[in-house]
Structures are given as structure tokens and as C-alpha cells.
Amino acid sequence: MNKLKEFIEKKMSMSHIYQPVMIKVLLENGGTANKQTIAQTILSYDFSQVEYYEGITNNMVGRILRKNEVVSKDKNIYGLKSFQDLSSSEIQELMLSAIRK
């Protein structure tokens, strides 16, 4: 613990969130994590990327899905139309279909 604590307190670069987030992920996952998990967690902390994808959501994806009457939007909340009418098996089937495309 002493070496890690010393690194965190005295040597760790705070110019970006990468190092502290990676250490946090490793600590939360029993000391190990795959690179995809680490990368996804870093991305979730990168607010410039989140803002970029919010723009994509609103201006591209969301607009097309609204135009095709697949989703609705109320302020910043998107909703899948007729979701409440779907059974859990239909939801699973649709998720698999969407991923395979």
C-alpha cells in the first residue's frame, strides 16, 4: 500500500484523469481489469467526449429516430415509443436484432 499511496500522493500526474481513473477501476475490481473496462471507465469521465456524443445523439441519431417515429423526446429525455407494450422476450429479441445490424 505504501508504494501506491506514495505514487498517488506525490508522483501521479493530474494533468488528466487517466491515471486516477485506472487506479480506481483496478481497486474496484479486485486489483485487475481488462483494457476495455478501463477504457470505457476513462471515457465515462471524459466530459468533452460525453458532450461530443450528446451532440451526435441530438443532431444525428435522435433526429433520425424521431423522424421515423421510433423515439420521442421531452427536453433531454428520450423515450422508446410503445416500450410499455413490449414483453421481456420481445425486448431481448429486439436488443439482439439491433446489435447484429
PDB file of N, CA and C in Angstrom:
ATOM      1  N   MET A   1       0.821  -1.200   0.000  1.00  0.00           N
ATOM      2  CA  MET A   1       0.000   0.000   0.000  1.00  0.00           C
ATOM      3  C   MET A   1       0.862   1.260   0.000  1.00  0.00           C
ATOM      4  N   ASN A   2       1.986   1.207   0.705  1.00  0.00           N
ATOM      5  CA  ASN A   2       2.818   2.407   0.835  1.00  0.00           C
ATOM      6  C   ASN A   2       3.298   2.933  -0.508  1.00  0.00           C
ATOM      7  N   LYS A   3       3.750   2.026  -1.416  1.00  0.00           N
ATOM      8  CA  LYS A   3       4.262   2.464  -2.714  1.00  0.00           C
ATOM      9  C   LYS A   3       3.144   3.091  -3.548  1.00  0.00           C
ATOM     10  N   LEU A   4       1.967   2.472  -3.559  1.00  0.00           N
ATOM     11  CA  LEU A   4       0.844   3.014  -4.321  1.00  0.00           C
ATOM     12  C   LEU A   4       0.391   4.345  -3.737  1.00  0.00           C
ATOM     13  N   LYS A   5       0.290   4.416  -2.410  1.00  0.00           N
ATOM     14  CA  LYS A   5      -0.126   5.666  -1.762  1.00  0.00           C
ATOM     15  C   LYS A   5       0.875   6.780  -2.045  1.00  0.00           C
ATOM     16  N   GLU A   6       2.164   6.465  -1.990  1.00  0.00           N
ATOM     17  CA  GLU A   6       3.196   7.465  -2.280  1.00  0.00           C
ATOM     18  C   GLU A   6       3.087   7.932  -3.736  1.00  0.00           C
ATOM     19  N   PHE A   7       2.867   6.994  -4.652  1.00  0.00           N
ATOM     20  CA  PHE A   7       2.718   7.373  -6.054  1.00  0.00           C
ATOM     21  C   PHE A   7       1.528   8.316  -6.223  1.00  0.00           C
ATOM     22  N   ILE A   8       0.376   7.937  -5.628  1.00  0.00           N
ATOM     23  CA  ILE A   8      -0.835   8.753  -5.763  1.00  0.00           C
ATOM     24  C   ILE A   8      -0.616  10.151  -5.191  1.00  0.00           C
ATOM     25  N   GLU A   9      -0.031  10.216  -4.017  1.00  0.00           N
ATOM     26  CA  GLU A   9       0.092  11.493  -3.327  1.00  0.00           C
ATOM     27  C   GLU A   9       1.228  12.375  -3.845  1.00  0.00           C
ATOM     28  N   LYS A  10       2.304  11.763  -4.383  1.00  0.00           N
ATOM     29  CA  LYS A  10       3.480  12.567  -4.715  1.00  0.00           C
ATOM     30  C   LYS A  10       3.888  12.565  -6.187  1.00  0.00           C
ATOM     31  N   LYS A  11       3.563  11.514  -6.925  1.00  0.00           N
ATOM     32  CA  LYS A  11       4.095  11.397  -8.282  1.00  0.00           C
ATOM     33  C   LYS A  11       3.036  11.396  -9.379  1.00  0.00           C
ATOM     34  N   MET A  12       1.830  11.058  -9.049  1.00  0.00           N
ATOM     35  CA  MET A  12       0.813  10.881 -10.074  1.00  0.00           C
ATOM     36  C   MET A  12       0.522  12.182 -10.801  1.00  0.00           C
ATOM     37  N   SER A  13       0.478  12.092 -12.120  1.00  0.00           N
ATOM     38  CA  SER A  13       0.165  13.250 -12.945  1.00  0.00           C
ATOM     39  C   SER A  13      -1.331  13.529 -12.877  1.00  0.00           C
ATOM     40  N   MET A  14      -1.676  14.763 -12.612  1.00  0.00           N
ATOM     41  CA  MET A  14      -3.085  15.143 -12.547  1.00  0.00           C
ATOM     42  C   MET A  14      -3.456  16.029 -13.732  1.00  0.00           C
ATOM     43  N   SER A  15      -2.635  15.981 -14.802  1.00  0.00           N
ATOM     44  CA  SER A  15      -2.946  16.784 -15.973  1.00  0.00           C
ATOM     45  C   SER A  15      -4.199  16.257 -16.678  1.00  0.00           C
ATOM     46  N   HIS A  16      -4.544  15.017 -16.430  1.00  0.00           N
ATOM     47  CA  HIS A  16      -5.774  14.439 -16.956  1.00  0.00           C
ATOM     48  C   HIS A  16      -6.225  13.364 -15.991  1.00  0.00           C
ATOM     49  N   ILE A  17      -7.383  12.814 -16.214  1.00  0.00           N
ATOM     50  CA  ILE A  17      -7.987  11.871 -15.273  1.00  0.00           C
ATOM     51  C   ILE A  17      -7.560  10.427 -15.508  1.00  0.00           C
ATOM     52  N   TYR A  18      -6.738  10.161 -16.501  1.00  0.00           N
ATOM     53  CA  TYR A  18      -6.428   8.789 -16.876  1.00  0.00           C
ATOM     54  C   TYR A  18      -5.838   7.949 -15.747  1.00  0.00           C
ATOM     55  N   GLN A  19      -4.779   8.442 -15.103  1.00  0.00           N
ATOM     56  CA  GLN A  19      -4.117   7.656 -14.067  1.00  0.00           C
ATOM     57  C   GLN A  19      -5.022   7.395 -12.860  1.00  0.00           C
ATOM     58  N   PRO A  20      -5.654   8.437 -12.280  1.00  0.00           N
ATOM     59  CA  PRO A  20      -6.502   8.149 -11.121  1.00  0.00           C
ATOM     60  C   PRO A  20      -7.690   7.245 -11.462  1.00  0.00           C
ATOM     61  N   VAL A  21      -8.249   7.393 -12.651  1.00  0.00           N
ATOM     62  CA  VAL A  21      -9.385   6.544 -13.021  1.00  0.00           C
ATOM     63  C   VAL A  21      -8.935   5.092 -13.174  1.00  0.00           C
ATOM     64  N   MET A  22      -7.789   4.861 -13.802  1.00  0.00           N
ATOM     65  CA  MET A  22      -7.308   3.491 -13.967  1.00  0.00           C
ATOM     66  C   MET A  22      -7.032   2.850 -12.611  1.00  0.00           C
ATOM     67  N   ILE A  23      -6.409   3.582 -11.717  1.00  0.00           N
ATOM     68  CA  ILE A  23      -6.146   3.043 -10.377  1.00  0.00           C
ATOM     69  C   ILE A  23      -7.464   2.732  -9.672  1.00  0.00           C
ATOM     70  N   LYS A  24      -8.435   3.621  -9.781  1.00  0.00           N
ATOM     71  CA  LYS A  24      -9.752   3.412  -9.158  1.00  0.00           C
ATOM     72  C   LYS A  24     -10.420   2.156  -9.707  1.00  0.00           C
ATOM     73  N   VAL A  25     -10.396   1.970 -11.024  1.00  0.00           N
ATOM     74  CA  VAL A  25     -11.001   0.782 -11.648  1.00  0.00           C
ATOM     75  C   VAL A  25     -10.327  -0.483 -11.127  1.00  0.00           C
ATOM     76  N   LEU A  26      -9.013  -0.467 -11.070  1.00  0.00           N
ATOM     77  CA  LEU A  26      -8.290  -1.637 -10.583  1.00  0.00           C
ATOM     78  C   LEU A  26      -8.627  -1.936  -9.128  1.00  0.00           C
ATOM     79  N   LEU A  27      -8.711  -0.897  -8.305  1.00  0.00           N
ATOM     80  CA  LEU A  27      -9.064  -1.088  -6.899  1.00  0.00           C
ATOM     81  C   LEU A  27     -10.486  -1.628  -6.747  1.00  0.00           C
ATOM     82  N   GLU A  28     -11.404  -1.149  -7.576  1.00  0.00           N
ATOM     83  CA  GLU A  28     -12.807  -1.583  -7.501  1.00  0.00           C
ATOM     84  C   GLU A  28     -13.013  -3.011  -8.006  1.00  0.00           C
ATOM     85  N   ASN A  29     -12.076  -3.504  -8.818  1.00  0.00           N
ATOM     86  CA  ASN A  29     -12.236  -4.817  -9.438  1.00  0.00           C
ATOM     87  C   ASN A  29     -11.239  -5.845  -8.911  1.00  0.00           C
ATOM     88  N   GLY A  30     -10.914  -5.738  -7.664  1.00  0.00           N
ATOM     89  CA  GLY A  30     -10.049  -6.736  -7.048  1.00  0.00           C
ATOM     90  C   GLY A  30      -8.609  -6.714  -7.524  1.00  0.00           C
ATOM     91  N   GLY A  31      -8.156  -5.590  -8.078  1.00  0.00           N
ATOM     92  CA  GLY A  31      -6.762  -5.444  -8.477  1.00  0.00           C
ATOM     93  C   GLY A  31      -6.496  -5.704  -9.947  1.00  0.00           C
ATOM     94  N   THR A  32      -7.503  -6.205 -10.681  1.00  0.00           N
ATOM     95  CA  THR A  32      -7.319  -6.449 -12.111  1.00  0.00           C
ATOM     96  C   THR A  32      -8.542  -5.968 -12.883  1.00  0.00           C
ATOM     97  N   ALA A  33      -8.319  -5.609 -14.138  1.00  0.00           N
ATOM     98  CA  ALA A  33      -9.409  -5.239 -15.035  1.00  0.00           C
ATOM     99  C   ALA A  33      -8.869  -5.301 -16.457  1.00  0.00           C
ATOM    100  N   ASN A  34      -9.727  -5.659 -17.395  1.00  0.00           N
ATOM    101  CA  ASN A  34      -9.259  -5.701 -18.780  1.00  0.00           C
ATOM    102  C   ASN A  34      -9.216  -4.292 -19.362  1.00  0.00           C
ATOM    103  N   LYS A  35      -8.510  -4.173 -20.472  1.00  0.00           N
ATOM    104  CA  LYS A  35      -8.294  -2.840 -21.053  1.00  0.00           C
ATOM    105  C   LYS A  35      -9.595  -2.205 -21.515  1.00  0.00           C
ATOM    106  N   GLN A  36     -10.575  -2.998 -21.939  1.00  0.00           N
ATOM    107  CA  GLN A  36     -11.856  -2.431 -22.375  1.00  0.00           C
ATOM    108  C   GLN A  36     -12.590  -1.792 -21.206  1.00  0.00           C
ATOM    109  N   THR A  37     -12.608  -2.455 -20.062  1.00  0.00           N
ATOM    110  CA  THR A  37     -13.255  -1.905 -18.872  1.00  0.00           C
ATOM    111  C   THR A  37     -12.592  -0.602 -18.453  1.00  0.00           C
ATOM    112  N   ILE A  38     -11.272  -0.593 -18.463  1.00  0.00           N
ATOM    113  CA  ILE A  38     -10.536   0.621 -18.094  1.00  0.00           C
ATOM    114  C   ILE A  38     -10.831   1.738 -19.087  1.00  0.00           C
ATOM    115  N   ALA A  39     -10.780   1.422 -20.375  1.00  0.00           N
ATOM    116  CA  ALA A  39     -11.026   2.433 -21.413  1.00  0.00           C
ATOM    117  C   ALA A  39     -12.442   2.997 -21.316  1.00  0.00           C
ATOM    118  N   GLN A  40     -13.430   2.139 -21.106  1.00  0.00           N
ATOM    119  CA  GLN A  40     -14.819   2.610 -21.001  1.00  0.00           C
ATOM    120  C   GLN A  40     -14.998   3.499 -19.779  1.00  0.00           C
ATOM    121  N   THR A  41     -14.335   3.159 -18.698  1.00  0.00           N
ATOM    122  CA  THR A  41     -14.445   3.984 -17.496  1.00  0.00           C
ATOM    123  C   THR A  41     -13.775   5.329 -17.707  1.00  0.00           C
ATOM    124  N   ILE A  42     -12.606   5.325 -18.326  1.00  0.00           N
ATOM    125  CA  ILE A  42     -11.943   6.602 -18.633  1.00  0.00           C
ATOM    126  C   ILE A  42     -12.845   7.454 -19.507  1.00  0.00           C
ATOM    127  N   LEU A  43     -13.450   6.845 -20.517  1.00  0.00           N
ATOM    128  CA  LEU A  43     -14.348   7.578 -21.410  1.00  0.00           C
ATOM    129  C   LEU A  43     -15.509   8.190 -20.641  1.00  0.00           C
ATOM    130  N   SER A  44     -16.038   7.465 -19.659  1.00  0.00           N
ATOM    131  CA  SER A  44     -17.176   7.994 -18.899  1.00  0.00           C
ATOM    132  C   SER A  44     -16.807   9.235 -18.086  1.00  0.00           C
ATOM    133  N   TYR A  45     -15.523   9.423 -17.802  1.00  0.00           N
ATOM    134  CA  TYR A  45     -15.052  10.596 -17.066  1.00  0.00           C
ATOM    135  C   TYR A  45     -14.617  11.726 -17.996  1.00  0.00           C
ATOM    136  N   ASP A  46     -14.523  11.457 -19.285  1.00  0.00           N
ATOM    137  CA  ASP A  46     -14.041  12.447 -20.236  1.00  0.00           C
ATOM    138  C   ASP A  46     -15.227  13.281 -20.727  1.00  0.00           C
ATOM    139  N   PHE A  47     -15.494  14.384 -20.045  1.00  0.00           N
ATOM    140  CA  PHE A  47     -16.686  15.179 -20.294  1.00  0.00           C
ATOM    141  C   PHE A  47     -16.716  15.782 -21.689  1.00  0.00           C
ATOM    142  N   SER A  48     -15.546  16.056 -22.277  1.00  0.00           N
ATOM    143  CA  SER A  48     -15.548  16.589 -23.642  1.00  0.00           C
ATOM    144  C   SER A  48     -16.083  15.543 -24.614  1.00  0.00           C
ATOM    145  N   GLN A  49     -15.745  14.292 -24.382  1.00  0.00           N
ATOM    146  CA  GLN A  49     -16.271  13.207 -25.226  1.00  0.00           C
ATOM    147  C   GLN A  49     -17.761  13.000 -24.985  1.00  0.00           C
ATOM    148  N   VAL A  50     -18.181  13.089 -23.729  1.00  0.00           N
ATOM    149  CA  VAL A  50     -19.611  12.961 -23.413  1.00  0.00           C
ATOM    150  C   VAL A  50     -20.396  14.054 -24.120  1.00  0.00           C
ATOM    151  N   GLU A  51     -19.888  15.290 -24.077  1.00  0.00           N
ATOM    152  CA  GLU A  51     -20.559  16.402 -24.762  1.00  0.00           C
ATOM    153  C   GLU A  51     -20.592  16.178 -26.269  1.00  0.00           C
ATOM    154  N   TYR A  52     -19.504  15.661 -26.821  1.00  0.00           N
ATOM    155  CA  TYR A  52     -19.459  15.365 -28.248  1.00  0.00           C
ATOM    156  C   TYR A  52     -20.561  14.373 -28.621  1.00  0.00           C
ATOM    157  N   TYR A  53     -20.684  13.300 -27.847  1.00  0.00           N
ATOM    158  CA  TYR A  53     -21.691  12.283 -28.151  1.00  0.00           C
ATOM    159  C   TYR A  53     -23.110  12.734 -27.811  1.00  0.00           C
ATOM    160  N   GLU A  54     -23.243  13.684 -26.912  1.00  0.00           N
ATOM    161  CA  GLU A  54     -24.568  14.287 -26.703  1.00  0.00           C
ATOM    162  C   GLU A  54     -24.998  15.005 -27.975  1.00  0.00           C
ATOM    163  N   GLY A  55     -24.069  15.689 -28.635  1.00  0.00           N
ATOM    164  CA  GLY A  55     -24.362  16.350 -29.901  1.00  0.00           C
ATOM    165  C   GLY A  55     -24.747  15.352 -30.977  1.00  0.00           C
ATOM    166  N   ILE A  56     -24.018  14.245 -31.051  1.00  0.00           N
ATOM    167  CA  ILE A  56     -24.347  13.181 -32.009  1.00  0.00           C
ATOM    168  C   ILE A  56     -25.752  12.654 -31.724  1.00  0.00           C
ATOM    169  N   THR A  57     -26.050  12.431 -30.447  1.00  0.00           N
ATOM    170  CA  THR A  57     -27.360  11.909 -30.056  1.00  0.00           C
ATOM    171  C   THR A  57     -28.468  12.843 -30.497  1.00  0.00           C
ATOM    172  N   ASN A  58     -28.312  14.123 -30.231  1.00  0.00           N
ATOM    173  CA  ASN A  58     -29.367  15.084 -30.565  1.00  0.00           C
ATOM    174  C   ASN A  58     -29.463  15.373 -32.056  1.00  0.00           C
ATOM    175  N   ASN A  59     -28.333  15.584 -32.698  1.00  0.00           N
ATOM    176  CA  ASN A  59     -28.344  16.108 -34.057  1.00  0.00           C
ATOM    177  C   ASN A  59     -28.341  15.057 -35.151  1.00  0.00           C
ATOM    178  N   MET A  60     -28.015  13.844 -34.820  1.00  0.00           N
ATOM    179  CA  MET A  60     -27.969  12.826 -35.860  1.00  0.00           C
ATOM    180  C   MET A  60     -28.885  11.656 -35.489  1.00  0.00           C
ATOM    181  N   VAL A  61     -28.471  10.882 -34.540  1.00  0.00           N
ATOM    182  CA  VAL A  61     -29.191   9.661 -34.178  1.00  0.00           C
ATOM    183  C   VAL A  61     -30.606   9.964 -33.704  1.00  0.00           C
ATOM    184  N   GLY A  62     -30.735  10.831 -32.735  1.00  0.00           N
ATOM    185  CA  GLY A  62     -32.054  11.145 -32.183  1.00  0.00           C
ATOM    186  C   GLY A  62     -32.997  11.728 -33.213  1.00  0.00           C
ATOM    187  N   ARG A  63     -32.472  12.597 -34.065  1.00  0.00           N
ATOM    188  CA  ARG A  63     -33.316  13.223 -35.088  1.00  0.00           C
ATOM    189  C   ARG A  63     -33.868  12.173 -36.051  1.00  0.00           C
ATOM    190  N   ILE A  64     -33.036  11.248 -36.501  1.00  0.00           N
ATOM    191  CA  ILE A  64     -33.478  10.202 -37.434  1.00  0.00           C
ATOM    192  C   ILE A  64     -34.488   9.280 -36.761  1.00  0.00           C
ATOM    193  N   LEU A  65     -34.227   8.892 -35.522  1.00  0.00           N
ATOM    194  CA  LEU A  65     -35.161   8.007 -34.820  1.00  0.00           C
ATOM    195  C   LEU A  65     -36.483   8.708 -34.531  1.00  0.00           C
ATOM    196  N   ARG A  66     -36.461  10.013 -34.249  1.00  0.00           N
ATOM    197  CA  ARG A  66     -37.717  10.766 -34.069  1.00  0.00           C
ATOM    198  C   ARG A  66     -38.466  10.869 -35.389  1.00  0.00           C
ATOM    199  N   LYS A  67     -37.744  11.153 -36.468  1.00  0.00           N
ATOM    200  CA  LYS A  67     -38.370  11.272 -37.787  1.00  0.00           C
ATOM    201  C   LYS A  67     -39.064   9.965 -38.182  1.00  0.00           C
ATOM    202  N   ASN A  68     -38.464   8.834 -37.819  1.00  0.00           N
ATOM    203  CA  ASN A  68     -39.037   7.530 -38.136  1.00  0.00           C
ATOM    204  C   ASN A  68     -40.002   7.039 -37.053  1.00  0.00           C
ATOM    205  N   GLU A  69     -40.305   7.925 -36.103  1.00  0.00           N
ATOM    206  CA  GLU A  69     -41.273   7.669 -35.026  1.00  0.00           C
ATOM    207  C   GLU A  69     -40.925   6.445 -34.178  1.00  0.00           C
ATOM    208  N   VAL A  70     -39.621   6.260 -33.956  1.00  0.00           N
ATOM    209  CA  VAL A  70     -39.139   5.178 -33.104  1.00  0.00           C
ATOM    210  C   VAL A  70     -38.991   5.672 -31.664  1.00  0.00           C
ATOM    211  N   VAL A  71     -38.561   6.934 -31.512  1.00  0.00           N
ATOM    212  CA  VAL A  71     -38.397   7.520 -30.183  1.00  0.00           C
ATOM    213  C   VAL A  71     -39.124   8.853 -30.114  1.00  0.00           C
ATOM    214  N   SER A  72     -39.366   9.270 -28.878  1.00  0.00           N
ATOM    215  CA  SER A  72     -39.888  10.611 -28.616  1.00  0.00           C
ATOM    216  C   SER A  72     -38.858  11.326 -27.753  1.00  0.00           C
ATOM    217  N   LYS A  73     -38.975  12.651 -27.686  1.00  0.00           N
ATOM    218  CA  LYS A  73     -38.030  13.432 -26.888  1.00  0.00           C
ATOM    219  C   LYS A  73     -38.793  14.502 -26.136  1.00  0.00           C
ATOM    220  N   ASP A  74     -38.502  14.609 -24.839  1.00  0.00           N
ATOM    221  CA  ASP A  74     -39.054  15.667 -23.999  1.00  0.00           C
ATOM    222  C   ASP A  74     -37.884  16.294 -23.264  1.00  0.00           C
ATOM    223  N   LYS A  75     -37.497  17.482 -23.678  1.00  0.00           N
ATOM    224  CA  LYS A  75     -36.306  18.169 -23.177  1.00  0.00           C
ATOM    225  C   LYS A  75     -35.079  17.300 -23.456  1.00  0.00           C
ATOM    226  N   ASN A  76     -34.426  16.779 -22.434  1.00  0.00           N
ATOM    227  CA  ASN A  76     -33.239  15.953 -22.633  1.00  0.00           C
ATOM    228  C   ASN A  76     -33.506  14.465 -22.440  1.00  0.00           C
ATOM    229  N   ILE A  77     -34.767  14.089 -22.389  1.00  0.00           N
ATOM    230  CA  ILE A  77     -35.130  12.691 -22.152  1.00  0.00           C
ATOM    231  C   ILE A  77     -35.686  12.073 -23.428  1.00  0.00           C
ATOM    232  N   TYR A  78     -35.076  10.979 -23.846  1.00  0.00           N
ATOM    233  CA  TYR A  78     -35.572  10.216 -24.988  1.00  0.00           C
ATOM    234  C   TYR A  78     -36.362   9.025 -24.467  1.00  0.00           C
ATOM    235  N   GLY A  79     -37.395   8.670 -25.202  1.00  0.00           N
ATOM    236  CA  GLY A  79     -38.199   7.508 -24.840  1.00  0.00           C
ATOM    237  C   GLY A  79     -38.482   6.663 -26.059  1.00  0.00           C
ATOM    238  N   LEU A  80     -38.399   5.361 -25.890  1.00  0.00           N
ATOM    239  CA  LEU A  80     -38.720   4.431 -26.954  1.00  0.00           C
ATOM    240  C   LEU A  80     -40.234   4.301 -27.015  1.00  0.00           C
ATOM    241  N   LYS A  81     -40.800   4.632 -28.160  1.00  0.00           N
ATOM    242  CA  LYS A  81     -42.258   4.597 -28.295  1.00  0.00           C
ATOM    243  C   LYS A  81     -42.760   3.170 -28.131  1.00  0.00           C
ATOM    244  N   SER A  82     -43.874   3.022 -27.439  1.00  0.00           N
ATOM    245  CA  SER A  82     -44.545   1.742 -27.207  1.00  0.00           C
ATOM    246  C   SER A  82     -43.707   0.748 -26.408  1.00  0.00           C
ATOM    247  N   PHE A  83     -42.700   1.236 -25.690  1.00  0.00           N
ATOM    248  CA  PHE A  83     -41.876   0.328 -24.885  1.00  0.00           C
ATOM    249  C   PHE A  83     -42.723  -0.450 -23.886  1.00  0.00           C
ATOM    250  N   GLN A  84     -43.690   0.226 -23.289  1.00  0.00           N
ATOM    251  CA  GLN A  84     -44.516  -0.409 -22.263  1.00  0.00           C
ATOM    252  C   GLN A  84     -45.336  -1.572 -22.822  1.00  0.00           C
ATOM    253  N   ASP A  85     -45.498  -1.655 -24.137  1.00  0.00           N
ATOM    254  CA  ASP A  85     -46.263  -2.741 -24.752  1.00  0.00           C
ATOM    255  C   ASP A  85     -45.415  -3.973 -25.050  1.00  0.00           C
ATOM    256  N   LEU A  86     -44.103  -3.877 -24.849  1.00  0.00           N
ATOM    257  CA  LEU A  86     -43.211  -4.988 -25.171  1.00  0.00           C
ATOM    258  C   LEU A  86     -43.074  -5.960 -24.000  1.00  0.00           C
ATOM    259  N   SER A  87     -43.058  -7.240 -24.309  1.00  0.00           N
ATOM    260  CA  SER A  87     -42.777  -8.251 -23.287  1.00  0.00           C
ATOM    261  C   SER A  87     -41.265  -8.334 -23.100  1.00  0.00           C
ATOM    262  N   SER A  88     -40.830  -8.976 -22.029  1.00  0.00           N
ATOM    263  CA  SER A  88     -39.390  -9.093 -21.789  1.00  0.00           C
ATOM    264  C   SER A  88     -38.727  -9.923 -22.886  1.00  0.00           C
ATOM    265  N   SER A  89     -39.407 -10.929 -23.423  1.00  0.00           N
ATOM    266  CA  SER A  89     -38.813 -11.718 -24.510  1.00  0.00           C
ATOM    267  C   SER A  89     -38.710 -10.883 -25.789  1.00  0.00           C
ATOM    268  N   GLU A  90     -39.691 -10.027 -26.047  1.00  0.00           N
ATOM    269  CA  GLU A  90     -39.617  -9.142 -27.213  1.00  0.00           C
ATOM    270  C   GLU A  90     -38.475  -8.143 -27.062  1.00  0.00           C
ATOM    271  N   ILE A  91     -38.284  -7.645 -25.854  1.00  0.00           N
ATOM    272  CA  ILE A  91     -37.174  -6.720 -25.594  1.00  0.00           C
ATOM    273  C   ILE A  91     -35.846  -7.406 -25.879  1.00  0.00           C
ATOM    274  N   GLN A  92     -35.677  -8.629 -25.392  1.00  0.00           N
ATOM    275  CA  GLN A  92     -34.441  -9.377 -25.630  1.00  0.00           C
ATOM    276  C   GLN A  92     -34.218  -9.613 -27.126  1.00  0.00           C
ATOM    277  N   GLU A  93     -35.295  -9.997 -27.832  1.00  0.00           N
ATOM    278  CA  GLU A  93     -35.202 -10.244 -29.279  1.00  0.00           C
ATOM    279  C   GLU A  93     -34.800  -8.986 -30.024  1.00  0.00           C
ATOM    280  N   LEU A  94     -35.404  -7.857 -29.669  1.00  0.00           N
ATOM    281  CA  LEU A  94     -35.082  -6.599 -30.330  1.00  0.00           C
ATOM    282  C   LEU A  94     -33.655  -6.146 -30.038  1.00  0.00           C
ATOM    283  N   MET A  95     -33.201  -6.354 -28.810  1.00  0.00           N
ATOM    284  CA  MET A  95     -31.822  -5.983 -28.466  1.00  0.00           C
ATOM    285  C   MET A  95     -30.841  -6.802 -29.290  1.00  0.00           C
ATOM    286  N   LEU A  96     -31.093  -8.094 -29.420  1.00  0.00           N
ATOM    287  CA  LEU A  96     -30.210  -8.930 -30.235  1.00  0.00           C
ATOM    288  C   LEU A  96     -30.235  -8.501 -31.690  1.00  0.00           C
ATOM    289  N   SER A  97     -31.408  -8.192 -32.205  1.00  0.00           N
ATOM    290  CA  SER A  97     -31.531  -7.734 -33.595  1.00  0.00           C
ATOM    291  C   SER A  97     -30.768  -6.427 -33.811  1.00  0.00           C
ATOM    292  N   ALA A  98     -30.881  -5.504 -32.879  1.00  0.00           N
ATOM    293  CA  ALA A  98     -30.219  -4.207 -33.002  1.00  0.00           C
ATOM    294  C   ALA A  98     -28.703  -4.358 -32.991  1.00  0.00           C
ATOM    295  N   ILE A  99     -28.212  -5.238 -32.157  1.00  0.00           N
ATOM    296  CA  ILE A  99     -26.751  -5.434 -32.033  1.00  0.00           C
ATOM    297  C   ILE A  99     -26.183  -6.117 -33.268  1.00  0.00           C
ATOM    298  N   ARG A 100     -26.943  -7.036 -33.843  1.00  0.00           N
ATOM    299  CA  ARG A 100     -26.455  -7.772 -35.025  1.00  0.00           C
ATOM    300  C   ARG A 100     -26.366  -6.921 -36.273  1.00  0.00           C
ATOM    301  N   LYS A 101     -27.086  -5.829 -36.335  1.00  0.00           N
ATOM    302  CA  LYS A 101     -27.081  -4.973 -37.530  1.00  0.00           C
ATOM    303  C   LYS A 101     -25.763  -4.412 -37.755  1.00  0.00           C
TER     304      LYS A 101
END
